[in-house]
């Protein structure tokens, strides 16, 4: 498929830098399975996602996810934790959650799904939906809060939903809010309190706890380290210092590979500067690059490079890599009972 056609630069990076780093079995802990039609925004054709997933990946089936992985990670066996794309309101939540369950069921019994939630859903609703579709957890998102930038965690994942995760032993894929992400004292306070109050809920802090550069996780890792029900995924973090800070700060045994597909097969890189981060792409810059090969590779490859180079300080062993790419996520998912209809 043309969206992720492999070129000579991609081949060189995979063969020279990544092929010997990525193990044969991979559990991808962060995959979006969705349809563009589930975005009910009447202005979506001119919105922020139109030229990305709207144009390149408007409908992600399980087969398309398999094709992408086969192209970008040849000869690997891939299992997944999948969930819908969190389109801003209005979003077809019921359609999204039914679709991701249907597609994930094609994963030979080895993959699982999470359901997209918003704070307006009551406890009975989220429990019933999880049981109906067999979702093993929840995917909240910050822009379902009244204040999507500076809202508290419980503004978009209210405690009555966390209590359901605790009751059933489910996972929560958490994309933190606030400009300082995990470095914000309120986020640390919330994670310490909620992980203690609801010990049976399993938290996955997405994007290295939204620490795209090192400073955020460096500020908070000592307080978070050792929490028995908190894990981290590496999705779309392309800064090797951030991965180094995560590995050394919370322990590589709490970290899991995630691709953030279908963002991963787009070309570009998440770059950091000051206390900011953003996505650089072939179409959003005006740099003069005549002095070098100007082509951009996949965001996923830039992330994998950072995962590899970020492990130099601790010396990632084969056992570390096996855990990072498969064993930790597989064990976490296997520890979560699939909710059954009552």
Protein backbone atom coordinates (compact mmCIF):
# COMPACT_ATOMS: atom_id res chain seq x y z
CA UNK A 1 0.00 0.00 0.00
CA UNK A 2 1.34 3.40 -1.00
CA UNK A 3 0.84 4.97 2.44
CA UNK A 4 3.77 3.01 3.81
CA UNK A 5 5.70 1.93 0.73
CA UNK A 6 9.19 0.95 1.79
CA UNK A 7 11.99 2.96 0.17
CA UNK A 8 15.76 2.55 0.22
CA UNK A 9 16.19 4.74 3.31
CA UNK A 10 13.67 2.68 5.27
CA UNK A 11 15.35 -0.54 4.19
CA UNK A 12 18.77 0.71 5.25
CA UNK A 13 17.53 1.83 8.67
CA UNK A 14 15.70 -1.45 9.28
CA UNK A 15 18.57 -3.67 8.15
CA UNK A 16 21.45 -1.73 9.69
CA UNK A 17 19.86 -0.49 12.94
CA UNK A 18 16.66 -2.29 13.88
CA UNK A 19 16.45 -5.83 12.54
CA UNK A 20 18.78 -7.18 15.22
CA UNK A 21 17.05 -5.14 17.93
CA UNK A 22 13.40 -6.17 17.52
CA UNK A 23 12.72 -9.73 18.75
CA UNK A 24 10.78 -12.28 16.70
CA UNK A 25 7.68 -12.04 18.89
CA UNK A 26 6.18 -8.61 19.54
CA UNK A 27 3.22 -7.54 21.63
CA UNK A 28 2.14 -4.06 20.58
CA UNK A 29 0.48 -2.47 23.62
CA UNK A 30 -0.88 0.63 21.86
CA UNK A 31 -2.81 0.21 18.59
CA UNK A 32 -5.81 2.19 17.30
CA UNK A 33 -8.42 0.23 15.31
CA UNK A 34 -11.10 2.56 13.98
CA UNK A 35 -13.14 3.97 11.13
CA UNK A 36 -12.95 7.61 10.05
CA UNK A 37 -16.77 7.45 9.94
CA UNK A 38 -16.80 7.27 13.76
CA UNK A 39 -15.66 10.91 13.83
CA UNK A 40 -19.03 12.67 13.77
CA UNK A 41 -17.62 16.19 13.53
CA UNK A 42 -19.34 17.80 10.52
CA UNK A 43 -16.18 19.85 9.89
CA UNK A 44 -13.76 16.93 10.10
CA UNK A 45 -12.75 17.26 6.43
CA UNK A 46 -10.91 20.46 7.34
CA UNK A 47 -9.96 19.39 10.86
CA UNK A 48 -6.59 18.40 12.34
CA UNK A 49 -6.88 14.69 11.45
CA UNK A 50 -8.03 15.09 7.85
CA UNK A 51 -4.61 14.99 6.21
CA UNK A 52 -3.32 12.28 8.55
CA UNK A 53 -5.43 9.29 9.46
CA UNK A 54 -8.43 10.69 7.55
CA UNK A 55 -6.51 10.60 4.27
CA UNK A 56 -4.02 7.79 4.83
CA UNK A 57 -5.85 5.30 7.04
CA UNK A 58 -9.59 6.09 7.03
CA UNK A 59 -10.55 2.54 7.96
CA UNK A 60 -8.23 0.29 9.92
CA UNK A 61 -9.13 -3.38 9.83
CA UNK A 62 -7.17 -6.14 11.53
CA UNK A 63 -5.88 -7.13 8.11
CA UNK A 64 -4.54 -3.62 7.45
CA UNK A 65 -2.78 -3.65 10.84
CA UNK A 66 -1.22 -6.98 9.86
CA UNK A 67 -0.11 -5.57 6.50
CA UNK A 68 1.51 -2.54 8.11
CA UNK A 69 3.39 -4.70 10.62
CA UNK A 70 4.51 -7.13 7.92
CA UNK A 71 5.90 -4.23 5.90
CA UNK A 72 7.59 -2.34 8.73
CA UNK A 73 8.65 -5.32 10.87
CA UNK A 74 9.14 -8.17 8.40
CA UNK A 75 9.03 -11.75 9.67
CA UNK A 76 7.78 -10.78 13.13
CA UNK A 77 4.83 -12.33 14.93
CA UNK A 78 2.64 -9.51 16.25
CA UNK A 79 -0.03 -9.52 18.96
CA UNK A 80 -1.88 -6.39 20.04
CA UNK A 81 -3.76 -4.44 22.67
CA UNK A 82 -6.15 -2.41 20.53
CA UNK A 83 -8.63 0.40 21.13
CA UNK A 84 -10.53 3.02 19.12
CA UNK A 85 -9.13 6.34 18.03
CA UNK A 86 -10.39 9.03 20.44
CA UNK A 87 -12.03 11.41 18.02
CA UNK A 88 -13.06 14.68 19.70
CA UNK A 89 -16.72 15.08 20.48
CA UNK A 90 -18.92 14.21 18.79
CA UNK A 91 -17.68 10.65 18.45
CA UNK A 92 -19.59 7.43 17.84
CA UNK A 93 -18.53 5.65 21.02
CA UNK A 94 -20.86 2.66 20.61
CA UNK A 95 -19.80 2.10 17.02
CA UNK A 96 -16.13 2.51 17.90
CA UNK A 97 -16.26 0.01 20.74
CA UNK A 98 -18.24 -2.59 18.84
CA UNK A 99 -15.91 -2.31 15.84
CA UNK A 100 -12.65 -2.66 17.77
CA UNK A 101 -13.99 -5.75 19.55
CA UNK A 102 -15.07 -7.28 16.25
CA UNK A 103 -11.71 -6.64 14.58
CA UNK A 104 -9.61 -7.72 17.57
CA UNK A 105 -11.46 -11.02 17.65
CA UNK A 106 -9.54 -11.86 14.45
CA UNK A 107 -6.32 -11.96 16.49
CA UNK A 108 -6.34 -15.73 17.05
CA UNK A 109 -7.24 -15.33 20.71
CA UNK A 110 -3.89 -13.68 21.49
CA UNK A 111 -4.93 -10.03 21.24
CA UNK A 112 -7.31 -7.97 23.38
CA UNK A 113 -9.25 -4.71 23.16
CA UNK A 114 -10.04 -1.71 25.34
CA UNK A 115 -13.15 0.43 25.09
CA UNK A 116 -13.24 4.18 24.51
CA UNK A 117 -14.94 5.99 27.39
CA UNK A 118 -16.02 9.52 28.18
CA UNK A 119 -16.78 10.99 31.60
CA UNK A 120 -20.51 11.09 30.90
CA UNK A 121 -20.76 7.29 30.97
CA UNK A 122 -21.94 5.93 34.30
CA UNK A 123 -20.56 2.85 36.02
CA UNK A 124 -23.35 0.56 34.85
CA UNK A 125 -22.85 1.65 31.24
CA UNK A 126 -19.12 1.03 31.12
CA UNK A 127 -19.37 -2.30 32.93
CA UNK A 128 -22.17 -3.51 30.66
CA UNK A 129 -20.26 -2.50 27.52
CA UNK A 130 -17.05 -4.15 28.72
CA UNK A 131 -18.95 -7.35 29.45
CA UNK A 132 -20.88 -7.25 26.18
CA UNK A 133 -17.80 -6.92 24.00
CA UNK A 134 -15.16 -8.59 26.17
CA UNK A 135 -13.03 -5.44 26.52
CA UNK A 136 -10.30 -5.83 29.15
CA UNK A 137 -10.19 -2.16 30.05
CA UNK A 138 -10.81 1.44 29.21
CA UNK A 139 -9.32 4.15 27.02
CA UNK A 140 -10.17 7.63 28.34
CA UNK A 141 -8.81 10.73 26.67
CA UNK A 142 -8.05 14.20 27.91
CA UNK A 143 -10.13 16.13 25.40
CA UNK A 144 -13.32 14.64 26.77
CA UNK A 145 -12.72 16.81 29.87
CA UNK A 146 -14.16 20.31 30.16
CA UNK A 147 -10.56 21.55 30.19
CA UNK A 148 -8.59 19.22 27.90
CA UNK A 149 -5.27 20.98 28.55
CA UNK A 150 -5.16 21.48 32.31
CA UNK A 151 -7.86 19.13 33.58
CA UNK A 152 -7.17 16.68 36.38
CA UNK A 153 -7.02 13.01 35.57
CA UNK A 154 -10.44 12.40 37.11
CA UNK A 155 -11.98 15.12 34.93
CA UNK A 156 -11.84 12.71 31.99
CA UNK A 157 -11.61 9.38 33.88
CA UNK A 158 -14.02 9.80 36.81
CA UNK A 159 -13.62 7.59 39.84
CA UNK A 160 -16.82 5.67 39.22
CA UNK A 161 -15.19 4.32 36.03
CA UNK A 162 -11.91 3.61 37.81
CA UNK A 163 -13.93 1.71 40.42
CA UNK A 164 -15.29 -0.56 37.67
CA UNK A 165 -11.73 -1.24 36.49
CA UNK A 166 -10.80 -2.07 40.07
CA UNK A 167 -13.84 -4.31 40.55
CA UNK A 168 -13.13 -6.33 37.39
CA UNK A 169 -9.32 -6.08 37.45
CA UNK A 170 -9.20 -4.17 34.14
CA UNK A 171 -6.61 -1.95 32.47
CA UNK A 172 -6.72 1.81 31.94
CA UNK A 173 -4.73 3.27 29.02
CA UNK A 174 -4.04 6.76 30.35
CA UNK A 175 -2.95 9.69 28.19
CA UNK A 176 -2.23 12.34 30.80
CA UNK A 177 -3.30 15.96 30.57
CA UNK A 178 -1.53 19.19 31.69
CA UNK A 179 1.28 21.07 29.97
CA UNK A 180 3.97 19.43 32.12
CA UNK A 181 2.38 15.96 31.77
CA UNK A 182 3.79 13.55 34.37
CA UNK A 183 6.02 16.31 35.79
CA UNK A 184 2.92 18.16 37.01
CA UNK A 185 2.53 17.60 40.77
CA UNK A 186 -1.23 17.12 40.38
CA UNK A 187 -0.72 14.22 38.00
CA UNK A 188 1.77 12.57 40.33
CA UNK A 189 -0.59 13.12 43.26
CA UNK A 190 -3.48 11.59 41.30
CA UNK A 191 -1.47 8.55 40.23
CA UNK A 192 -0.23 7.88 43.75
CA UNK A 193 -3.69 8.24 45.27
CA UNK A 194 -5.67 6.38 42.63
CA UNK A 195 -3.25 3.49 42.17
CA UNK A 196 -3.37 2.96 45.94
CA UNK A 197 -7.14 3.39 46.31
CA UNK A 198 -7.90 1.06 43.37
CA UNK A 199 -5.17 -1.59 43.56
CA UNK A 200 -6.83 -4.04 41.16
CA UNK A 201 -6.93 -1.54 38.28
CA UNK A 202 -3.91 -1.80 35.95
CA UNK A 203 -2.64 1.55 34.70
CA UNK A 204 -0.69 1.94 31.46
CA UNK A 205 0.74 5.45 31.14
CA UNK A 206 0.89 6.08 27.40
CA UNK A 207 3.79 7.73 25.59
CA UNK A 208 6.25 7.24 28.47
CA UNK A 209 3.69 8.93 30.76
CA UNK A 210 3.49 11.62 28.05
CA UNK A 211 7.16 12.35 28.62
CA UNK A 212 8.30 12.94 25.06
CA UNK A 213 11.56 14.34 26.37
CA UNK A 214 13.50 13.36 29.45
CA UNK A 215 12.76 16.20 31.86
CA UNK A 216 9.18 15.19 32.69
CA UNK A 217 9.85 11.59 33.71
CA UNK A 218 13.08 12.64 35.42
CA UNK A 219 11.03 14.93 37.66
CA UNK A 220 8.59 12.23 38.75
CA UNK A 221 10.12 8.77 38.32
CA UNK A 222 11.43 8.46 41.89
CA UNK A 223 7.91 8.98 43.24
CA UNK A 224 6.31 6.55 40.78
CA UNK A 225 8.89 3.80 40.87
CA UNK A 226 7.69 0.65 42.57
CA UNK A 227 3.96 1.18 42.07
CA UNK A 228 2.79 -2.41 41.54
CA UNK A 229 -0.11 -1.63 39.22
CA UNK A 230 1.46 0.97 36.89
CA UNK A 231 3.16 0.30 33.55
CA UNK A 232 4.36 2.53 30.69
CA UNK A 233 4.30 2.26 26.91
CA UNK A 234 6.79 3.78 24.50
CA UNK A 235 4.39 4.79 21.72
CA UNK A 236 5.68 7.56 19.40
CA UNK A 237 8.40 8.75 21.80
CA UNK A 238 11.39 9.42 19.54
CA UNK A 239 13.83 10.95 22.05
CA UNK A 240 16.47 8.50 23.26
CA UNK A 241 17.06 10.56 26.42
CA UNK A 242 13.38 10.16 27.33
CA UNK A 243 13.63 6.38 26.95
CA UNK A 244 16.84 6.34 28.98
CA UNK A 245 15.12 8.35 31.72
CA UNK A 246 12.18 5.94 31.69
CA UNK A 247 14.29 2.76 31.75
CA UNK A 248 16.49 4.02 34.56
CA UNK A 249 13.78 5.92 36.43
CA UNK A 250 10.91 3.43 36.72
CA UNK A 251 12.71 0.25 35.63
CA UNK A 252 12.78 -1.38 32.22
CA UNK A 253 10.60 -4.19 33.60
CA UNK A 254 7.63 -1.75 33.70
CA UNK A 255 8.02 -0.59 30.09
CA UNK A 256 6.24 -2.02 27.04
CA UNK A 257 6.54 -1.40 23.32
CA UNK A 258 3.60 0.36 21.66
CA UNK A 259 3.38 1.66 18.09
CA UNK A 260 0.46 4.14 18.29
CA UNK A 261 -0.57 2.87 14.87
CA UNK A 262 -1.80 4.23 12.58
CA UNK A 263 0.50 7.10 13.59
CA UNK A 264 3.61 4.91 13.52
CA UNK A 265 3.59 4.24 9.74
CA UNK A 266 3.38 7.95 8.95
CA UNK A 267 6.64 9.65 8.02
CA UNK A 268 8.33 12.09 10.36
CA UNK A 269 9.40 12.24 13.98
CA UNK A 270 8.20 13.62 17.28
CA UNK A 271 10.73 16.31 18.14
CA UNK A 272 11.39 18.07 21.42
CA UNK A 273 12.64 21.52 22.33
CA UNK A 274 12.51 23.56 25.51
CA UNK A 275 9.61 21.96 27.37
CA UNK A 276 7.62 21.27 24.23
CA UNK A 277 7.16 18.47 21.72
CA UNK A 278 5.45 18.22 18.36
CA UNK A 279 5.24 16.05 15.26
CA UNK A 280 7.59 16.94 12.42
CA UNK A 281 6.45 15.71 9.01
CA UNK A 282 7.58 16.07 5.39
CA UNK A 283 4.92 18.74 4.82
CA UNK A 284 5.11 20.98 7.90
CA UNK A 285 8.63 22.42 7.71
CA UNK A 286 10.64 24.78 5.51
CA UNK A 287 14.14 23.50 6.25
CA UNK A 288 16.79 23.51 3.56
CA UNK A 289 18.07 19.91 3.31
CA UNK A 290 20.13 19.89 0.13
CA UNK A 291 23.24 18.94 2.14
CA UNK A 292 21.89 15.49 3.08
CA UNK A 293 19.35 12.80 2.28
CA UNK A 294 16.17 14.81 2.97
CA UNK A 295 13.77 11.88 3.18
CA UNK A 296 11.96 11.10 6.41
CA UNK A 297 11.42 7.56 7.56
CA UNK A 298 8.52 6.21 9.59
CA UNK A 299 7.72 7.60 13.03
CA UNK A 300 7.79 3.98 14.20
CA UNK A 301 11.41 3.59 13.05
CA UNK A 302 12.41 6.81 14.80
CA UNK A 303 10.76 5.50 17.97
CA UNK A 304 12.55 2.14 17.68
CA UNK A 305 15.88 3.94 17.20
CA UNK A 306 15.21 5.89 20.40
CA UNK A 307 14.25 2.72 22.28
CA UNK A 308 17.51 1.12 21.20
CA UNK A 309 19.82 4.06 21.86
CA UNK A 310 18.04 4.96 25.08
CA UNK A 311 19.10 1.59 26.46
CA UNK A 312 22.84 2.16 26.16
CA UNK A 313 23.24 3.26 29.78
CA UNK A 314 21.56 0.19 31.25
CA UNK A 315 22.87 -2.12 28.55
CA UNK A 316 19.73 -3.73 27.15
CA UNK A 317 20.25 -7.48 27.13
CA UNK A 318 18.40 -10.01 25.01
CA UNK A 319 16.23 -10.76 28.03
CA UNK A 320 15.47 -7.05 28.47
CA UNK A 321 14.46 -6.77 24.82
CA UNK A 322 12.28 -9.86 25.04
CA UNK A 323 10.48 -8.36 28.05
CA UNK A 324 10.24 -4.90 26.52
CA UNK A 325 8.74 -6.12 23.26
CA UNK A 326 6.71 -9.09 24.44
CA UNK A 327 6.88 -10.72 27.86
CA UNK A 328 5.80 -7.78 30.04
CA UNK A 329 2.76 -6.89 27.96
CA UNK A 330 1.81 -10.54 27.44
CA UNK A 331 1.94 -11.18 31.18
CA UNK A 332 -0.07 -8.05 31.95
CA UNK A 333 -2.79 -8.90 29.43
CA UNK A 334 -2.91 -12.51 30.59
CA UNK A 335 -3.44 -11.31 34.17
CA UNK A 336 -6.66 -9.51 33.20
CA UNK A 337 -9.80 -11.66 33.07
CA UNK A 338 -12.00 -11.08 30.04
CA UNK A 339 -15.31 -9.72 31.42
CA UNK A 340 -18.20 -12.05 30.69
CA UNK A 341 -21.86 -11.11 30.16
CA UNK A 342 -23.98 -11.46 33.27
